[in-house]
Amino acid sequence: MSKTEALSAPDHRQQFLIGVGAGTCAAIIWGLWPVITRFGVTNDFSAEEIVVVRFVFAGVLLLPHYLKNKVYQRISPFRSIIIASGAGAIYVYVSALGLKFVPAGHLGVVETGMMLVLSALGGYFILNERKSFVQVFGYAFVFAGMLIVNWQSFSGATPLVIYGDLLLVLAGVLWAVYTVLSNKWSLNSWDAVATVSVWSLFTWVPVLIIFGSVSVTQSNIDAWLIQGISQGVLTAILGLWLYSLAVRKLGAARGSLFGALVPAVAVLGGFIFLAEVPTTIEMIGVSLTTIGITISLKR
């Protein structure tokens, strides 16, 4: 072994470990987002307030990037409002409202599953992306897991639980629209997230403050700060940065595999922090979805 190879091996191992750590942390942050959100909407927060606190924090923090890098010159107002709805205020509002009625683990299966399946269909019909048989097989697993969880909701559940799952389906549709269009328009990830946050802050947030159920008082300022840091800093900004770091260190294929951890983290987080015990059917759904996501990311 040459001296160069001897020196490069530890460096490669270090890069690999950094990538794995970053990807795992990103999956934990994104998997715990429905847990934090459900805790908020079932206690002190309305769905409108979740949107406001998320994008006040994220929008203000990302505004310098948006202005300094002149993102507004690269992403038109029309495209900005579309992605700000698909992955921004409208998406978060629909998800938060759904989580008011269903366990946090449902988001990890129903919403993530719908997003993945529709993104694949959009990629096929709009982006001309061709999937291998193995990937299609993986999507079938994801769809099966989503159907199992929804089947349980529709068989014997209250109308509010059905309503909550349908909202998560809609949220998955919105995120799929963002995924496909951001790819079609070749948007830089940081430019896209800055646009989503800034445009949500200056368009939808004022509407929700005026017409929605939003109330900030001295007694709940601590809760607002906790949700603001969790929603606007950890989920909207740090999660994306960690995911981008994992992709950079490991490559797109291996980096994206960490998304398969999100459904399991959501269910586990709901169990630990919210005492939401998953049923056997829900665990089967989570397992199928996780396996399907892992398979679908194979090339």
C-alpha atoms as a PDB file:
ATOM      1  CA  MET A   1       0.000   0.000   0.000  1.00  0.00           C
ATOM      2  CA  SER A   2       1.384   3.414  -0.950  1.00  0.00           C
ATOM      3  CA  LYS A   3       1.764   6.262   1.493  1.00  0.00           C
ATOM      4  CA  THR A   4      -1.009   8.156  -0.281  1.00  0.00           C
ATOM      5  CA  GLU A   5      -3.397   5.200   0.024  1.00  0.00           C
ATOM      6  CA  ALA A   6      -2.506   4.754   3.686  1.00  0.00           C
ATOM      7  CA  LEU A   7      -3.317   8.361   4.359  1.00  0.00           C
ATOM      8  CA  SER A   8      -6.498   8.392   2.300  1.00  0.00           C
ATOM      9  CA  ALA A   9      -8.095   5.370   3.999  1.00  0.00           C
ATOM     10  CA  PRO A  10      -8.617   7.070   7.396  1.00  0.00           C
ATOM     11  CA  ASP A  11      -9.843  10.200   5.621  1.00  0.00           C
ATOM     12  CA  HIS A  12     -12.371   8.172   3.643  1.00  0.00           C
ATOM     13  CA  ARG A  13     -13.536   6.484   6.840  1.00  0.00           C
ATOM     14  CA  GLN A  14     -13.899   9.870   8.532  1.00  0.00           C
ATOM     15  CA  GLN A  15     -15.946  11.237   5.623  1.00  0.00           C
ATOM     16  CA  PHE A  16     -18.137   8.130   5.738  1.00  0.00           C
ATOM     17  CA  LEU A  17     -18.767   8.471   9.489  1.00  0.00           C
ATOM     18  CA  ILE A  18     -19.569  12.181   9.110  1.00  0.00           C
ATOM     19  CA  GLY A  19     -22.063  11.346   6.369  1.00  0.00           C
ATOM     20  CA  VAL A  20     -23.703   8.599   8.398  1.00  0.00           C
ATOM     21  CA  GLY A  21     -23.945  10.835  11.473  1.00  0.00           C
ATOM     22  CA  ALA A  22     -25.402  13.724   9.502  1.00  0.00           C
ATOM     23  CA  GLY A  23     -27.947  11.513   7.725  1.00  0.00           C
ATOM     24  CA  THR A  24     -29.038   9.865  10.963  1.00  0.00           C
ATOM     25  CA  CYS A  25     -29.485  13.227  12.710  1.00  0.00           C
ATOM     26  CA  ALA A  26     -31.486  14.587   9.757  1.00  0.00           C
ATOM     27  CA  ALA A  27     -33.789  11.553   9.868  1.00  0.00           C
ATOM     28  CA  ILE A  28     -34.272  11.965  13.635  1.00  0.00           C
ATOM     29  CA  ILE A  29     -35.099  15.667  13.270  1.00  0.00           C
ATOM     30  CA  TRP A  30     -37.569  15.090  10.447  1.00  0.00           C
ATOM     31  CA  GLY A  31     -39.032  12.019  12.144  1.00  0.00           C
ATOM     32  CA  LEU A  32     -39.652  13.956  15.355  1.00  0.00           C
ATOM     33  CA  TRP A  33     -41.276  16.889  13.527  1.00  0.00           C
ATOM     34  CA  PRO A  34     -44.753  15.268  13.543  1.00  0.00           C
ATOM     35  CA  VAL A  35     -44.291  14.455  17.231  1.00  0.00           C
ATOM     36  CA  ILE A  36     -43.473  18.077  18.090  1.00  0.00           C
ATOM     37  CA  THR A  37     -46.272  19.332  15.871  1.00  0.00           C
ATOM     38  CA  ARG A  38     -48.885  16.967  17.281  1.00  0.00           C
ATOM     39  CA  PHE A  39     -47.867  17.919  20.802  1.00  0.00           C
ATOM     40  CA  GLY A  40     -48.382  21.564  19.849  1.00  0.00           C
ATOM     41  CA  VAL A  41     -51.772  21.235  18.141  1.00  0.00           C
ATOM     42  CA  THR A  42     -53.175  19.023  20.895  1.00  0.00           C
ATOM     43  CA  ASN A  43     -52.098  21.435  23.637  1.00  0.00           C
ATOM     44  CA  ASP A  44     -51.393  25.157  23.256  1.00  0.00           C
ATOM     45  CA  PHE A  45     -51.278  25.769  19.502  1.00  0.00           C
ATOM     46  CA  SER A  46     -53.660  26.000  16.598  1.00  0.00           C
ATOM     47  CA  ALA A  47     -52.579  24.809  13.154  1.00  0.00           C
ATOM     48  CA  GLU A  48     -52.315  28.460  12.083  1.00  0.00           C
ATOM     49  CA  GLU A  49     -49.964  29.203  14.964  1.00  0.00           C
ATOM     50  CA  ILE A  50     -47.702  26.290  14.003  1.00  0.00           C
ATOM     51  CA  VAL A  51     -47.361  27.832  10.533  1.00  0.00           C
ATOM     52  CA  VAL A  52     -46.732  31.315  11.882  1.00  0.00           C
ATOM     53  CA  VAL A  53     -44.083  30.306  14.414  1.00  0.00           C
ATOM     54  CA  ARG A  54     -42.257  28.090  11.906  1.00  0.00           C
ATOM     55  CA  PHE A  55     -41.942  30.670   9.162  1.00  0.00           C
ATOM     56  CA  VAL A  56     -41.368  33.699  11.368  1.00  0.00           C
ATOM     57  CA  PHE A  57     -38.232  31.962  12.643  1.00  0.00           C
ATOM     58  CA  ALA A  58     -37.158  30.290   9.385  1.00  0.00           C
ATOM     59  CA  GLY A  59     -38.113  33.240   7.179  1.00  0.00           C
ATOM     60  CA  VAL A  60     -36.197  35.788   9.224  1.00  0.00           C
ATOM     61  CA  LEU A  61     -33.123  33.552   9.491  1.00  0.00           C
ATOM     62  CA  LEU A  62     -33.052  32.763   5.756  1.00  0.00           C
ATOM     63  CA  LEU A  63     -33.919  36.259   4.541  1.00  0.00           C
ATOM     64  CA  PRO A  64     -30.216  37.323   4.428  1.00  0.00           C
ATOM     65  CA  HIS A  65     -29.391  34.335   2.181  1.00  0.00           C
ATOM     66  CA  TYR A  66     -32.387  35.130  -0.023  1.00  0.00           C
ATOM     67  CA  LEU A  67     -31.360  38.776  -0.464  1.00  0.00           C
ATOM     68  CA  LYS A  68     -27.570  38.455  -0.478  1.00  0.00           C
ATOM     69  CA  ASN A  69     -27.576  35.725  -3.117  1.00  0.00           C
ATOM     70  CA  LYS A  70     -30.359  37.423  -5.109  1.00  0.00           C
ATOM     71  CA  VAL A  71     -32.467  34.292  -5.114  1.00  0.00           C
ATOM     72  CA  TYR A  72     -35.425  36.388  -6.275  1.00  0.00           C
ATOM     73  CA  GLN A  73     -33.659  36.821  -9.621  1.00  0.00           C
ATOM     74  CA  ARG A  74     -33.376  33.058 -10.144  1.00  0.00           C
ATOM     75  CA  ILE A  75     -36.824  31.978  -8.927  1.00  0.00           C
ATOM     76  CA  SER A  76     -39.761  33.926 -10.375  1.00  0.00           C
ATOM     77  CA  PRO A  77     -42.711  35.114  -8.250  1.00  0.00           C
ATOM     78  CA  PHE A  78     -44.966  32.496  -9.880  1.00  0.00           C
ATOM     79  CA  ARG A  79     -42.596  29.653  -9.042  1.00  0.00           C
ATOM     80  CA  SER A  80     -41.985  31.094  -5.594  1.00  0.00           C
ATOM     81  CA  ILE A  81     -45.668  31.091  -4.641  1.00  0.00           C
ATOM     82  CA  ILE A  82     -46.080  27.549  -6.003  1.00  0.00           C
ATOM     83  CA  ILE A  83     -43.238  26.056  -3.968  1.00  0.00           C
ATOM     84  CA  ALA A  84     -44.140  28.195  -0.934  1.00  0.00           C
ATOM     85  CA  SER A  85     -47.548  26.517  -1.015  1.00  0.00           C
ATOM     86  CA  GLY A  86     -46.321  23.007  -1.786  1.00  0.00           C
ATOM     87  CA  ALA A  87     -43.591  22.838   0.866  1.00  0.00           C
ATOM     88  CA  GLY A  88     -44.331  25.948   2.905  1.00  0.00           C
ATOM     89  CA  ALA A  89     -47.262  27.454   4.738  1.00  0.00           C
ATOM     90  CA  ILE A  90     -50.119  25.524   3.116  1.00  0.00           C
ATOM     91  CA  TYR A  91     -48.296  22.215   3.448  1.00  0.00           C
ATOM     92  CA  VAL A  92     -47.446  22.817   7.116  1.00  0.00           C
ATOM     93  CA  TYR A  93     -50.998  24.003   7.859  1.00  0.00           C
ATOM     94  CA  VAL A  94     -52.589  20.905   6.311  1.00  0.00           C
ATOM     95  CA  SER A  95     -50.099  18.584   8.075  1.00  0.00           C
ATOM     96  CA  ALA A  96     -50.568  20.286  11.447  1.00  0.00           C
ATOM     97  CA  LEU A  97     -54.350  20.194  11.132  1.00  0.00           C
ATOM     98  CA  GLY A  98     -54.219  16.496  10.260  1.00  0.00           C
ATOM     99  CA  LEU A  99     -51.985  15.757  13.250  1.00  0.00           C
ATOM    100  CA  LYS A 100     -54.618  17.246  15.520  1.00  0.00           C
ATOM    101  CA  PHE A 101     -56.742  14.156  14.863  1.00  0.00           C
ATOM    102  CA  VAL A 102     -54.323  11.262  14.225  1.00  0.00           C
ATOM    103  CA  PRO A 103     -51.167   9.897  15.906  1.00  0.00           C
ATOM    104  CA  ALA A 104     -47.786  11.263  14.857  1.00  0.00           C
ATOM    105  CA  GLY A 105     -46.808   7.916  13.349  1.00  0.00           C
ATOM    106  CA  HIS A 106     -49.523   8.258  10.705  1.00  0.00           C
ATOM    107  CA  LEU A 107     -47.632  11.138   9.105  1.00  0.00           C
ATOM    108  CA  GLY A 108     -44.545   8.992   8.723  1.00  0.00           C
ATOM    109  CA  VAL A 109     -46.537   6.381   6.795  1.00  0.00           C
ATOM    110  CA  VAL A 110     -49.490   8.105   5.109  1.00  0.00           C
ATOM    111  CA  GLU A 111     -47.950  11.439   4.154  1.00  0.00           C
ATOM    112  CA  THR A 112     -44.446  10.161   3.407  1.00  0.00           C
ATOM    113  CA  GLY A 113     -45.849   7.238   1.439  1.00  0.00           C
ATOM    114  CA  MET A 114     -48.175   9.405  -0.638  1.00  0.00           C
ATOM    115  CA  MET A 115     -45.369  11.876  -1.333  1.00  0.00           C
ATOM    116  CA  LEU A 116     -42.979   9.156  -2.477  1.00  0.00           C
ATOM    117  CA  VAL A 117     -45.471   7.370  -4.728  1.00  0.00           C
ATOM    118  CA  LEU A 118     -46.780  10.571  -6.347  1.00  0.00           C
ATOM    119  CA  SER A 119     -43.253  11.947  -6.761  1.00  0.00           C
ATOM    120  CA  ALA A 120     -42.344   8.752  -8.604  1.00  0.00           C
ATOM    121  CA  LEU A 121     -45.401   9.083 -10.852  1.00  0.00           C
ATOM    122  CA  GLY A 122     -44.648  12.758 -11.444  1.00  0.00           C
ATOM    123  CA  GLY A 123     -41.061  11.899 -12.238  1.00  0.00           C
ATOM    124  CA  TYR A 124     -42.206   9.317 -14.763  1.00  0.00           C
ATOM    125  CA  PHE A 125     -44.837  11.411 -16.560  1.00  0.00           C
ATOM    126  CA  ILE A 126     -43.392  14.923 -16.173  1.00  0.00           C
ATOM    127  CA  LEU A 127     -39.624  14.478 -15.817  1.00  0.00           C
ATOM    128  CA  ASN A 128     -39.344  11.401 -18.018  1.00  0.00           C
ATOM    129  CA  GLU A 129     -37.597   9.472 -15.254  1.00  0.00           C
ATOM    130  CA  ARG A 130     -37.598   5.718 -15.743  1.00  0.00           C
ATOM    131  CA  LYS A 131     -37.674   3.426 -12.729  1.00  0.00           C
ATOM    132  CA  SER A 132     -36.209  -0.035 -12.495  1.00  0.00           C
ATOM    133  CA  PHE A 133     -38.300  -3.074 -11.615  1.00  0.00           C
ATOM    134  CA  VAL A 134     -36.703  -3.092  -8.153  1.00  0.00           C
ATOM    135  CA  GLN A 135     -37.731   0.527  -7.545  1.00  0.00           C
ATOM    136  CA  VAL A 136     -41.306  -0.141  -8.681  1.00  0.00           C
ATOM    137  CA  PHE A 137     -41.353  -3.123  -6.333  1.00  0.00           C
ATOM    138  CA  GLY A 138     -40.298  -0.778  -3.520  1.00  0.00           C
ATOM    139  CA  TYR A 139     -43.062   1.701  -4.333  1.00  0.00           C
ATOM    140  CA  ALA A 140     -45.552  -1.168  -4.149  1.00  0.00           C
ATOM    141  CA  PHE A 141     -44.389  -1.859  -0.589  1.00  0.00           C
ATOM    142  CA  VAL A 142     -44.777   1.815   0.312  1.00  0.00           C
ATOM    143  CA  PHE A 143     -48.269   1.931  -1.162  1.00  0.00           C
ATOM    144  CA  ALA A 144     -49.210  -1.273   0.666  1.00  0.00           C
ATOM    145  CA  GLY A 145     -48.020   0.159   3.993  1.00  0.00           C
ATOM    146  CA  MET A 146     -50.003   3.343   3.403  1.00  0.00           C
ATOM    147  CA  LEU A 147     -53.138   1.374   2.482  1.00  0.00           C
ATOM    148  CA  ILE A 148     -52.864  -0.787   5.597  1.00  0.00           C
ATOM    149  CA  VAL A 149     -52.695   2.223   7.911  1.00  0.00           C
ATOM    150  CA  ASN A 150     -55.544   3.967   6.054  1.00  0.00           C
ATOM    151  CA  TRP A 151     -57.603   0.777   6.047  1.00  0.00           C
ATOM    152  CA  GLN A 152     -57.388   0.678   9.821  1.00  0.00           C
ATOM    153  CA  SER A 153     -58.445   4.336   9.985  1.00  0.00           C
ATOM    154  CA  PHE A 154     -61.434   3.794   7.722  1.00  0.00           C
ATOM    155  CA  SER A 155     -62.592   0.587   9.432  1.00  0.00           C
ATOM    156  CA  GLY A 156     -64.159   1.528  12.720  1.00  0.00           C
ATOM    157  CA  ALA A 157     -62.392   4.856  13.252  1.00  0.00           C
ATOM    158  CA  THR A 158     -64.153   8.094  14.094  1.00  0.00           C
ATOM    159  CA  PRO A 159     -64.868  10.585  11.311  1.00  0.00           C
ATOM    160  CA  LEU A 160     -62.218  12.905  12.781  1.00  0.00           C
ATOM    161  CA  VAL A 161     -59.491  10.256  12.435  1.00  0.00           C
ATOM    162  CA  ILE A 162     -60.519   9.665   8.824  1.00  0.00           C
ATOM    163  CA  TYR A 163     -60.471  13.430   8.284  1.00  0.00           C
ATOM    164  CA  GLY A 164     -56.974  13.623   9.796  1.00  0.00           C
ATOM    165  CA  ASP A 165     -55.602  10.886   7.535  1.00  0.00           C
ATOM    166  CA  LEU A 166     -57.173  12.505   4.464  1.00  0.00           C
ATOM    167  CA  LEU A 167     -55.447  15.752   5.377  1.00  0.00           C
ATOM    168  CA  LEU A 168     -52.127  13.889   5.564  1.00  0.00           C
ATOM    169  CA  VAL A 169     -52.832  12.433   2.122  1.00  0.00           C
ATOM    170  CA  LEU A 170     -53.389  15.995   0.845  1.00  0.00           C
ATOM    171  CA  ALA A 171     -50.147  17.115   2.509  1.00  0.00           C
ATOM    172  CA  GLY A 172     -48.334  14.292   0.722  1.00  0.00           C
ATOM    173  CA  VAL A 173     -49.795  15.528  -2.575  1.00  0.00           C
ATOM    174  CA  LEU A 174     -48.561  19.065  -1.870  1.00  0.00           C
ATOM    175  CA  TRP A 175     -45.048  17.898  -1.024  1.00  0.00           C
ATOM    176  CA  ALA A 176     -44.963  15.729  -4.147  1.00  0.00           C
ATOM    177  CA  VAL A 177     -45.859  18.800  -6.249  1.00  0.00           C
ATOM    178  CA  TYR A 178     -42.955  20.668  -4.657  1.00  0.00           C
ATOM    179  CA  THR A 179     -40.587  17.718  -5.192  1.00  0.00           C
ATOM    180  CA  VAL A 180     -41.412  17.280  -8.863  1.00  0.00           C
ATOM    181  CA  LEU A 181     -41.481  20.978  -9.758  1.00  0.00           C
ATOM    182  CA  SER A 182     -38.305  21.869  -7.858  1.00  0.00           C
ATOM    183  CA  ASN A 183     -36.611  19.090  -9.818  1.00  0.00           C
ATOM    184  CA  LYS A 184     -38.144  20.177 -13.108  1.00  0.00           C
ATOM    185  CA  TRP A 185     -37.041  23.758 -12.498  1.00  0.00           C
ATOM    186  CA  SER A 186     -33.564  22.605 -11.290  1.00  0.00           C
ATOM    187  CA  LEU A 187     -33.772  24.604  -8.064  1.00  0.00           C
ATOM    188  CA  ASN A 188     -30.784  24.715  -5.725  1.00  0.00           C
ATOM    189  CA  SER A 189     -31.820  23.181  -2.380  1.00  0.00           C
ATOM    190  CA  TRP A 190     -30.813  26.175  -0.255  1.00  0.00           C
ATOM    191  CA  ASP A 191     -32.395  28.629  -2.706  1.00  0.00           C
ATOM    192  CA  ALA A 192     -35.581  26.575  -2.632  1.00  0.00           C
ATOM    193  CA  VAL A 193     -35.826  26.355   1.157  1.00  0.00           C
ATOM    194  CA  ALA A 194     -35.033  30.078   1.496  1.00  0.00           C
ATOM    195  CA  THR A 195     -37.739  30.922  -1.051  1.00  0.00           C
ATOM    196  CA  VAL A 196     -40.265  28.658   0.686  1.00  0.00           C
ATOM    197  CA  SER A 197     -39.567  30.250   4.075  1.00  0.00           C
ATOM    198  CA  VAL A 198     -39.351  33.884   2.959  1.00  0.00           C
ATOM    199  CA  TRP A 199     -42.404  33.787   0.697  1.00  0.00           C
ATOM    200  CA  SER A 200     -44.420  31.938   3.347  1.00  0.00           C
ATOM    201  CA  LEU A 201     -43.409  34.625   5.838  1.00  0.00           C
ATOM    202  CA  PHE A 202     -44.507  37.548   3.664  1.00  0.00           C
ATOM    203  CA  THR A 203     -47.572  36.027   1.969  1.00  0.00           C
ATOM    204  CA  TRP A 204     -49.383  33.336   3.933  1.00  0.00           C
ATOM    205  CA  VAL A 205     -48.297  34.266   7.471  1.00  0.00           C
ATOM    206  CA  PRO A 206     -49.975  37.738   7.394  1.00  0.00           C
ATOM    207  CA  VAL A 207     -53.183  36.134   6.080  1.00  0.00           C
ATOM    208  CA  LEU A 208     -53.192  33.584   8.903  1.00  0.00           C
ATOM    209  CA  ILE A 209     -52.475  36.245  11.529  1.00  0.00           C
ATOM    210  CA  ILE A 210     -55.387  38.376  10.296  1.00  0.00           C
ATOM    211  CA  PHE A 211     -57.969  35.690   9.600  1.00  0.00           C
ATOM    212  CA  GLY A 212     -56.750  32.642  11.552  1.00  0.00           C
ATOM    213  CA  SER A 213     -56.604  31.617  15.179  1.00  0.00           C
ATOM    214  CA  VAL A 214     -53.332  33.215  16.279  1.00  0.00           C
ATOM    215  CA  SER A 215     -52.684  34.539  19.772  1.00  0.00           C
ATOM    216  CA  VAL A 216     -49.360  35.357  21.428  1.00  0.00           C
ATOM    217  CA  THR A 217     -49.507  36.207  25.126  1.00  0.00           C
ATOM    218  CA  GLN A 218     -46.981  36.613  27.889  1.00  0.00           C
ATOM    219  CA  SER A 219     -48.068  33.289  29.372  1.00  0.00           C
ATOM    220  CA  ASN A 220     -47.300  31.237  26.274  1.00  0.00           C
ATOM    221  CA  ILE A 221     -44.134  32.965  25.057  1.00  0.00           C
ATOM    222  CA  ASP A 222     -41.948  30.076  26.249  1.00  0.00           C
ATOM    223  CA  ALA A 223     -44.023  27.578  24.282  1.00  0.00           C
ATOM    224  CA  TRP A 224     -43.702  29.790  21.197  1.00  0.00           C
ATOM    225  CA  LEU A 225     -39.919  29.900  21.575  1.00  0.00           C
ATOM    226  CA  ILE A 226     -39.707  26.109  21.910  1.00  0.00           C
ATOM    227  CA  GLN A 227     -41.899  25.557  18.856  1.00  0.00           C
ATOM    228  CA  GLY A 228     -40.045  28.283  16.951  1.00  0.00           C
ATOM    229  CA  ILE A 229     -36.659  26.674  17.534  1.00  0.00           C
ATOM    230  CA  SER A 230     -37.999  23.182  16.818  1.00  0.00           C
ATOM    231  CA  GLN A 231     -40.032  24.131  13.746  1.00  0.00           C
ATOM    232  CA  GLY A 232     -38.114  27.019  12.231  1.00  0.00           C
ATOM    233  CA  VAL A 233     -34.499  26.238  13.136  1.00  0.00           C
ATOM    234  CA  LEU A 234     -34.141  22.483  13.620  1.00  0.00           C
ATOM    235  CA  THR A 235     -36.664  21.168  11.086  1.00  0.00           C
ATOM    236  CA  ALA A 236     -36.650  23.823   8.370  1.00  0.00           C
ATOM    237  CA  ILE A 237     -32.942  24.708   8.383  1.00  0.00           C
ATOM    238  CA  LEU A 238     -30.705  22.299  10.326  1.00  0.00           C
ATOM    239  CA  GLY A 239     -32.451  19.189   9.009  1.00  0.00           C
ATOM    240  CA  LEU A 240     -31.894  20.258   5.406  1.00  0.00           C
ATOM    241  CA  TRP A 241     -28.255  21.193   6.063  1.00  0.00           C
ATOM    242  CA  LEU A 242     -27.549  17.818   7.686  1.00  0.00           C
ATOM    243  CA  TYR A 243     -29.263  15.959   4.850  1.00  0.00           C
ATOM    244  CA  SER A 244     -27.276  17.934   2.274  1.00  0.00           C
ATOM    245  CA  LEU A 245     -24.075  17.120   4.180  1.00  0.00           C
ATOM    246  CA  ALA A 246     -24.930  13.405   4.165  1.00  0.00           C
ATOM    247  CA  VAL A 247     -25.551  13.454   0.414  1.00  0.00           C
ATOM    248  CA  ARG A 248     -22.272  15.321  -0.155  1.00  0.00           C
ATOM    249  CA  LYS A 249     -20.247  12.872   1.937  1.00  0.00           C
ATOM    250  CA  LEU A 250     -21.943   9.634   0.884  1.00  0.00           C
ATOM    251  CA  GLY A 251     -23.399  10.403  -2.533  1.00  0.00           C
ATOM    252  CA  ALA A 252     -27.034  10.911  -3.498  1.00  0.00           C
ATOM    253  CA  ALA A 253     -28.061   7.245  -3.464  1.00  0.00           C
ATOM    254  CA  ARG A 254     -26.628   6.318  -0.047  1.00  0.00           C
ATOM    255  CA  GLY A 255     -27.420   9.713   1.473  1.00  0.00           C
ATOM    256  CA  SER A 256     -31.079   9.521   0.553  1.00  0.00           C
ATOM    257  CA  LEU A 257     -31.424   6.122   2.250  1.00  0.00           C
ATOM    258  CA  PHE A 258     -31.734   7.841   5.604  1.00  0.00           C
ATOM    259  CA  GLY A 259     -35.214   8.970   4.587  1.00  0.00           C
ATOM    260  CA  ALA A 260     -36.265   5.383   5.241  1.00  0.00           C
ATOM    261  CA  LEU A 261     -35.751   6.001   8.970  1.00  0.00           C
ATOM    262  CA  VAL A 262     -38.375   8.764   9.162  1.00  0.00           C
ATOM    263  CA  PRO A 263     -41.540   6.596   9.517  1.00  0.00           C
ATOM    264  CA  ALA A 264     -39.963   4.477  12.265  1.00  0.00           C
ATOM    265  CA  VAL A 265     -38.653   7.555  14.110  1.00  0.00           C
ATOM    266  CA  ALA A 266     -42.111   9.158  13.947  1.00  0.00           C
ATOM    267  CA  VAL A 267     -43.800   6.080  15.430  1.00  0.00           C
ATOM    268  CA  LEU A 268     -41.095   5.613  18.079  1.00  0.00           C
ATOM    269  CA  GLY A 269     -41.192   9.316  18.977  1.00  0.00           C
ATOM    270  CA  GLY A 270     -44.959   9.230  19.315  1.00  0.00           C
ATOM    271  CA  PHE A 271     -44.655   6.232  21.635  1.00  0.00           C
ATOM    272  CA  ILE A 272     -41.900   7.726  23.820  1.00  0.00           C
ATOM    273  CA  PHE A 273     -43.017  11.356  24.057  1.00  0.00           C
ATOM    274  CA  LEU A 274     -46.790  11.213  23.489  1.00  0.00           C
ATOM    275  CA  ALA A 275     -47.615   7.737  24.851  1.00  0.00           C
ATOM    276  CA  GLU A 276     -49.168   6.821  21.490  1.00  0.00           C
ATOM    277  CA  VAL A 277     -48.923   3.030  21.371  1.00  0.00           C
ATOM    278  CA  PRO A 278     -48.974   1.802  17.766  1.00  0.00           C
ATOM    279  CA  THR A 279     -51.289  -1.072  16.899  1.00  0.00           C
ATOM    280  CA  THR A 280     -50.038  -4.256  15.263  1.00  0.00           C
ATOM    281  CA  ILE A 281     -51.509  -3.118  11.935  1.00  0.00           C
ATOM    282  CA  GLU A 282     -49.725   0.240  12.221  1.00  0.00           C
ATOM    283  CA  MET A 283     -46.419  -1.504  12.937  1.00  0.00           C
ATOM    284  CA  ILE A 284     -46.909  -3.679   9.849  1.00  0.00           C
ATOM    285  CA  GLY A 285     -47.644  -0.537   7.839  1.00  0.00           C
ATOM    286  CA  VAL A 286     -44.515   1.201   9.144  1.00  0.00           C
ATOM    287  CA  SER A 287     -42.378  -1.866   8.406  1.00  0.00           C
ATOM    288  CA  LEU A 288     -43.686  -2.160   4.848  1.00  0.00           C
ATOM    289  CA  THR A 289     -43.199   1.559   4.238  1.00  0.00           C
ATOM    290  CA  THR A 290     -39.651   1.537   5.610  1.00  0.00           C
ATOM    291  CA  ILE A 291     -38.713  -1.509   3.549  1.00  0.00           C
ATOM    292  CA  GLY A 292     -40.355   0.016   0.485  1.00  0.00           C
ATOM    293  CA  ILE A 293     -38.535   3.326   0.839  1.00  0.00           C
ATOM    294  CA  THR A 294     -35.218   1.510   1.204  1.00  0.00           C
ATOM    295  CA  ILE A 295     -35.868  -0.621  -1.878  1.00  0.00           C
ATOM    296  CA  SER A 296     -37.157   2.305  -3.952  1.00  0.00           C
ATOM    297  CA  LEU A 297     -33.941   4.242  -3.396  1.00  0.00           C
ATOM    298  CA  LYS A 298     -31.886   1.490  -5.005  1.00  0.00           C
ATOM    299  CA  ARG A 299     -30.603   2.132  -8.505  1.00  0.00           C
END
